[in-house]
Amino acid sequence: MSVKEINTVSEFQKSIDEGVSLVDFYAVWCGPCKMLSPIIESLSGTIKDVKFLKVDVDKNEELIYQYQIQAMPTICIFKDGKLVDKNVGFLPEVALKKFIEKNKN
């Protein structure tokens, strides 16, 4: 599996609608986002029961306001379309994996 780039609000809603989704709200100019991206990519290959999505904050203002994203990176976990947890800032791989595992069950 890989990380899917989301470009529209309707695509976002459709993508998070069922199951567990991790959404990486990032910016191309954000240093910590660049450090987090390969970690998320790696985990997307090992955690099979979670969808991995990314949203460029500069291209999706409506989603940024809707989910009150104020700093990057922000990782959100959704279950069946509902936001269940949010983490702001860089997480090392072990911590991100624990964050996902804690929220997916």
N, C-alpha and C. Protein backbone atom coordinates (compact mmCIF):
# COMPACT_ATOMS: atom_id res chain seq x y z
N MET A 1 0.86 -1.19 0.00
CA MET A 1 0.00 0.00 0.00
C MET A 1 0.89 1.24 0.00
N SER A 2 0.33 2.32 -0.46
CA SER A 2 1.09 3.57 -0.43
C SER A 2 0.20 4.69 0.08
N VAL A 3 0.77 5.87 0.16
CA VAL A 3 0.04 7.02 0.67
C VAL A 3 -0.66 7.71 -0.51
N LYS A 4 -1.95 7.93 -0.36
CA LYS A 4 -2.74 8.54 -1.43
C LYS A 4 -2.88 10.04 -1.19
N GLU A 5 -2.55 10.82 -2.19
CA GLU A 5 -2.71 12.28 -2.14
C GLU A 5 -4.17 12.63 -2.40
N ILE A 6 -4.76 13.42 -1.52
CA ILE A 6 -6.16 13.85 -1.64
C ILE A 6 -6.19 15.29 -2.12
N ASN A 7 -7.01 15.56 -3.14
CA ASN A 7 -7.01 16.89 -3.75
C ASN A 7 -8.32 17.66 -3.65
N THR A 8 -9.40 16.97 -3.26
CA THR A 8 -10.69 17.66 -3.17
C THR A 8 -11.43 17.24 -1.89
N VAL A 9 -12.36 18.06 -1.47
CA VAL A 9 -13.16 17.75 -0.28
C VAL A 9 -13.97 16.48 -0.51
N SER A 10 -14.58 16.33 -1.68
CA SER A 10 -15.40 15.14 -1.93
C SER A 10 -14.54 13.88 -1.96
N GLU A 11 -13.35 13.96 -2.52
CA GLU A 11 -12.43 12.81 -2.52
C GLU A 11 -12.03 12.47 -1.09
N PHE A 12 -11.81 13.50 -0.27
CA PHE A 12 -11.46 13.30 1.14
C PHE A 12 -12.58 12.57 1.87
N GLN A 13 -13.81 13.07 1.74
CA GLN A 13 -14.96 12.47 2.44
C GLN A 13 -15.14 11.01 2.02
N LYS A 14 -15.00 10.75 0.72
CA LYS A 14 -15.15 9.39 0.21
C LYS A 14 -14.04 8.48 0.76
N SER A 15 -12.83 9.00 0.87
CA SER A 15 -11.68 8.21 1.30
C SER A 15 -11.73 7.85 2.78
N ILE A 16 -12.28 8.73 3.63
CA ILE A 16 -12.31 8.45 5.08
C ILE A 16 -13.61 7.81 5.53
N ASP A 17 -14.55 7.65 4.61
CA ASP A 17 -15.90 7.20 4.93
C ASP A 17 -15.97 5.85 5.64
N GLU A 18 -15.15 4.89 5.23
CA GLU A 18 -15.20 3.54 5.80
C GLU A 18 -13.85 3.14 6.34
N GLY A 19 -13.88 2.44 7.48
CA GLY A 19 -12.65 1.91 8.06
C GLY A 19 -11.83 2.96 8.77
N VAL A 20 -10.55 2.64 8.97
CA VAL A 20 -9.63 3.52 9.68
C VAL A 20 -8.71 4.19 8.67
N SER A 21 -8.58 5.51 8.79
CA SER A 21 -7.73 6.29 7.89
C SER A 21 -6.80 7.18 8.69
N LEU A 22 -5.53 7.22 8.27
CA LEU A 22 -4.58 8.18 8.81
C LEU A 22 -4.44 9.27 7.76
N VAL A 23 -4.62 10.51 8.17
CA VAL A 23 -4.49 11.63 7.24
C VAL A 23 -3.34 12.53 7.70
N ASP A 24 -2.38 12.71 6.81
CA ASP A 24 -1.24 13.57 7.06
C ASP A 24 -1.53 14.93 6.42
N PHE A 25 -1.82 15.94 7.26
CA PHE A 25 -1.98 17.30 6.77
C PHE A 25 -0.59 17.93 6.75
N TYR A 26 -0.09 18.24 5.57
CA TYR A 26 1.30 18.67 5.42
C TYR A 26 1.39 19.88 4.50
N ALA A 27 2.60 20.45 4.44
CA ALA A 27 2.90 21.51 3.47
C ALA A 27 4.24 21.18 2.83
N VAL A 28 4.38 21.47 1.55
CA VAL A 28 5.62 21.13 0.83
C VAL A 28 6.82 21.89 1.38
N TRP A 29 6.60 23.05 2.01
CA TRP A 29 7.69 23.88 2.52
C TRP A 29 8.03 23.56 3.97
N CYS A 30 7.35 22.60 4.57
CA CYS A 30 7.49 22.29 6.01
C CYS A 30 8.58 21.24 6.24
N GLY A 31 9.64 21.61 6.97
CA GLY A 31 10.75 20.70 7.26
C GLY A 31 10.33 19.44 8.00
N PRO A 32 9.62 19.56 9.13
CA PRO A 32 9.19 18.35 9.85
C PRO A 32 8.27 17.45 8.99
N CYS A 33 7.50 18.06 8.09
CA CYS A 33 6.65 17.27 7.19
C CYS A 33 7.51 16.41 6.28
N LYS A 34 8.60 16.99 5.78
CA LYS A 34 9.52 16.24 4.90
C LYS A 34 10.17 15.09 5.65
N MET A 35 10.43 15.28 6.94
CA MET A 35 11.03 14.21 7.75
C MET A 35 10.00 13.11 8.05
N LEU A 36 8.74 13.48 8.20
CA LEU A 36 7.68 12.54 8.54
C LEU A 36 7.22 11.72 7.33
N SER A 37 7.29 12.28 6.16
CA SER A 37 6.76 11.65 4.95
C SER A 37 7.31 10.24 4.70
N PRO A 38 8.63 10.01 4.75
CA PRO A 38 9.12 8.64 4.52
C PRO A 38 8.71 7.66 5.62
N ILE A 39 8.50 8.14 6.83
CA ILE A 39 8.04 7.28 7.92
C ILE A 39 6.62 6.82 7.63
N ILE A 40 5.77 7.74 7.22
CA ILE A 40 4.38 7.39 6.88
C ILE A 40 4.36 6.43 5.70
N GLU A 41 5.19 6.69 4.70
CA GLU A 41 5.29 5.82 3.53
C GLU A 41 5.69 4.41 3.97
N SER A 42 6.66 4.30 4.85
CA SER A 42 7.12 3.01 5.35
C SER A 42 6.01 2.27 6.10
N LEU A 43 5.32 2.97 6.99
CA LEU A 43 4.25 2.34 7.76
C LEU A 43 3.08 1.92 6.87
N SER A 44 2.86 2.65 5.78
CA SER A 44 1.76 2.30 4.87
C SER A 44 2.01 0.94 4.23
N GLY A 45 3.27 0.53 4.18
CA GLY A 45 3.59 -0.78 3.62
C GLY A 45 3.48 -1.91 4.62
N THR A 46 3.43 -1.60 5.92
CA THR A 46 3.40 -2.65 6.94
C THR A 46 2.08 -2.73 7.69
N ILE A 47 1.35 -1.64 7.78
CA ILE A 47 0.05 -1.65 8.47
C ILE A 47 -1.03 -1.72 7.40
N LYS A 48 -1.62 -2.90 7.25
CA LYS A 48 -2.51 -3.17 6.11
C LYS A 48 -3.95 -2.73 6.32
N ASP A 49 -4.41 -2.62 7.58
CA ASP A 49 -5.83 -2.35 7.81
C ASP A 49 -6.12 -0.87 8.06
N VAL A 50 -5.21 0.00 7.61
CA VAL A 50 -5.38 1.45 7.73
C VAL A 50 -5.10 2.08 6.37
N LYS A 51 -5.95 3.02 5.97
CA LYS A 51 -5.70 3.79 4.74
C LYS A 51 -4.80 4.97 5.10
N PHE A 52 -3.79 5.22 4.28
CA PHE A 52 -2.86 6.33 4.50
C PHE A 52 -3.10 7.39 3.44
N LEU A 53 -3.45 8.59 3.90
CA LEU A 53 -3.80 9.69 3.01
C LEU A 53 -2.98 10.91 3.37
N LYS A 54 -2.76 11.79 2.38
CA LYS A 54 -2.09 13.05 2.69
C LYS A 54 -2.82 14.19 2.01
N VAL A 55 -2.85 15.33 2.72
CA VAL A 55 -3.57 16.51 2.25
C VAL A 55 -2.61 17.70 2.33
N ASP A 56 -2.38 18.34 1.19
CA ASP A 56 -1.56 19.55 1.13
C ASP A 56 -2.39 20.72 1.66
N VAL A 57 -1.97 21.30 2.79
CA VAL A 57 -2.76 22.35 3.43
C VAL A 57 -2.90 23.59 2.56
N ASP A 58 -1.93 23.84 1.69
CA ASP A 58 -1.98 25.02 0.83
C ASP A 58 -2.98 24.87 -0.31
N LYS A 59 -3.43 23.66 -0.56
CA LYS A 59 -4.37 23.41 -1.66
C LYS A 59 -5.76 23.03 -1.17
N ASN A 60 -5.94 22.92 0.14
CA ASN A 60 -7.21 22.42 0.68
C ASN A 60 -7.67 23.22 1.89
N GLU A 61 -7.86 24.51 1.70
CA GLU A 61 -8.22 25.40 2.81
C GLU A 61 -9.50 24.98 3.53
N GLU A 62 -10.48 24.50 2.77
CA GLU A 62 -11.76 24.13 3.38
C GLU A 62 -11.56 23.02 4.43
N LEU A 63 -10.74 22.01 4.11
CA LEU A 63 -10.47 20.93 5.06
C LEU A 63 -9.68 21.43 6.27
N ILE A 64 -8.78 22.38 6.04
CA ILE A 64 -7.96 22.94 7.11
C ILE A 64 -8.87 23.63 8.14
N TYR A 65 -9.83 24.40 7.65
CA TYR A 65 -10.77 25.07 8.56
C TYR A 65 -11.69 24.07 9.24
N GLN A 66 -12.17 23.10 8.49
CA GLN A 66 -13.11 22.11 9.03
C GLN A 66 -12.49 21.33 10.19
N TYR A 67 -11.20 20.96 10.06
CA TYR A 67 -10.56 20.14 11.09
C TYR A 67 -9.59 20.94 11.97
N GLN A 68 -9.66 22.25 11.86
CA GLN A 68 -8.88 23.18 12.71
C GLN A 68 -7.39 22.83 12.73
N ILE A 69 -6.84 22.70 11.53
CA ILE A 69 -5.41 22.41 11.39
C ILE A 69 -4.67 23.75 11.50
N GLN A 70 -3.83 23.87 12.53
CA GLN A 70 -3.16 25.14 12.78
C GLN A 70 -1.64 25.05 12.64
N ALA A 71 -1.10 23.85 12.62
CA ALA A 71 0.35 23.67 12.49
C ALA A 71 0.60 22.39 11.70
N MET A 72 1.76 22.32 11.07
CA MET A 72 2.11 21.14 10.30
C MET A 72 3.39 20.53 10.86
N PRO A 73 3.50 19.22 10.74
CA PRO A 73 2.47 18.29 10.27
C PRO A 73 1.43 18.02 11.35
N THR A 74 0.21 17.76 10.92
CA THR A 74 -0.85 17.29 11.81
C THR A 74 -1.33 15.95 11.26
N ILE A 75 -1.31 14.95 12.13
CA ILE A 75 -1.78 13.62 11.76
C ILE A 75 -3.14 13.41 12.42
N CYS A 76 -4.13 13.06 11.61
CA CYS A 76 -5.47 12.78 12.13
C CYS A 76 -5.83 11.33 11.85
N ILE A 77 -6.48 10.71 12.80
CA ILE A 77 -7.00 9.35 12.62
C ILE A 77 -8.52 9.45 12.56
N PHE A 78 -9.08 8.88 11.50
CA PHE A 78 -10.53 8.85 11.30
C PHE A 78 -11.00 7.40 11.33
N LYS A 79 -12.17 7.18 11.95
CA LYS A 79 -12.83 5.87 11.93
C LYS A 79 -14.21 6.08 11.35
N ASP A 80 -14.47 5.40 10.25
CA ASP A 80 -15.77 5.50 9.58
C ASP A 80 -16.23 6.94 9.43
N GLY A 81 -15.30 7.81 9.01
CA GLY A 81 -15.63 9.20 8.72
C GLY A 81 -15.57 10.15 9.89
N LYS A 82 -15.34 9.64 11.10
CA LYS A 82 -15.30 10.50 12.29
C LYS A 82 -13.87 10.64 12.81
N LEU A 83 -13.49 11.87 13.13
CA LEU A 83 -12.18 12.15 13.70
C LEU A 83 -12.10 11.56 15.10
N VAL A 84 -11.10 10.70 15.35
CA VAL A 84 -10.98 10.09 16.68
C VAL A 84 -9.75 10.57 17.44
N ASP A 85 -8.71 11.04 16.73
CA ASP A 85 -7.53 11.54 17.42
C ASP A 85 -6.71 12.40 16.47
N LYS A 86 -5.88 13.26 17.08
CA LYS A 86 -5.08 14.20 16.30
C LYS A 86 -3.74 14.38 17.00
N ASN A 87 -2.66 14.42 16.22
CA ASN A 87 -1.33 14.69 16.76
C ASN A 87 -0.69 15.80 15.94
N VAL A 88 -0.18 16.81 16.62
CA VAL A 88 0.48 17.92 15.94
C VAL A 88 1.98 17.79 16.15
N GLY A 89 2.73 17.86 15.04
CA GLY A 89 4.18 17.81 15.12
C GLY A 89 4.75 16.49 14.67
N PHE A 90 6.06 16.45 14.55
CA PHE A 90 6.78 15.27 14.09
C PHE A 90 6.71 14.15 15.12
N LEU A 91 6.56 12.92 14.63
CA LEU A 91 6.63 11.74 15.49
C LEU A 91 7.64 10.76 14.89
N PRO A 92 8.55 10.20 15.69
CA PRO A 92 9.41 9.13 15.17
C PRO A 92 8.56 7.90 14.84
N GLU A 93 9.10 6.99 14.07
CA GLU A 93 8.33 5.85 13.56
C GLU A 93 7.68 5.03 14.69
N VAL A 94 8.41 4.72 15.74
CA VAL A 94 7.86 3.92 16.84
C VAL A 94 6.66 4.64 17.48
N ALA A 95 6.78 5.93 17.71
CA ALA A 95 5.70 6.70 18.33
C ALA A 95 4.49 6.80 17.40
N LEU A 96 4.73 6.98 16.10
CA LEU A 96 3.62 7.07 15.15
C LEU A 96 2.90 5.73 15.07
N LYS A 97 3.65 4.64 15.07
CA LYS A 97 3.03 3.31 15.03
C LYS A 97 2.15 3.10 16.26
N LYS A 98 2.64 3.50 17.44
CA LYS A 98 1.84 3.38 18.67
C LYS A 98 0.58 4.24 18.59
N PHE A 99 0.71 5.44 18.04
CA PHE A 99 -0.44 6.35 17.88
C PHE A 99 -1.50 5.71 16.99
N ILE A 100 -1.06 5.07 15.91
CA ILE A 100 -2.00 4.40 15.00
C ILE A 100 -2.66 3.20 15.68
N GLU A 101 -1.84 2.35 16.30
CA GLU A 101 -2.37 1.14 16.95
C GLU A 101 -3.37 1.49 18.04
N LYS A 102 -3.08 2.54 18.82
CA LYS A 102 -3.96 2.96 19.90
C LYS A 102 -5.33 3.37 19.38
N ASN A 103 -5.37 3.92 18.18
CA ASN A 103 -6.62 4.49 17.66
C ASN A 103 -7.37 3.62 16.65
N LYS A 104 -6.79 2.53 16.22
CA LYS A 104 -7.45 1.78 15.15
C LYS A 104 -8.41 0.71 15.65
N ASN A 105 -8.35 0.36 16.94
CA ASN A 105 -9.22 -0.71 17.45
C ASN A 105 -10.48 -0.21 18.10
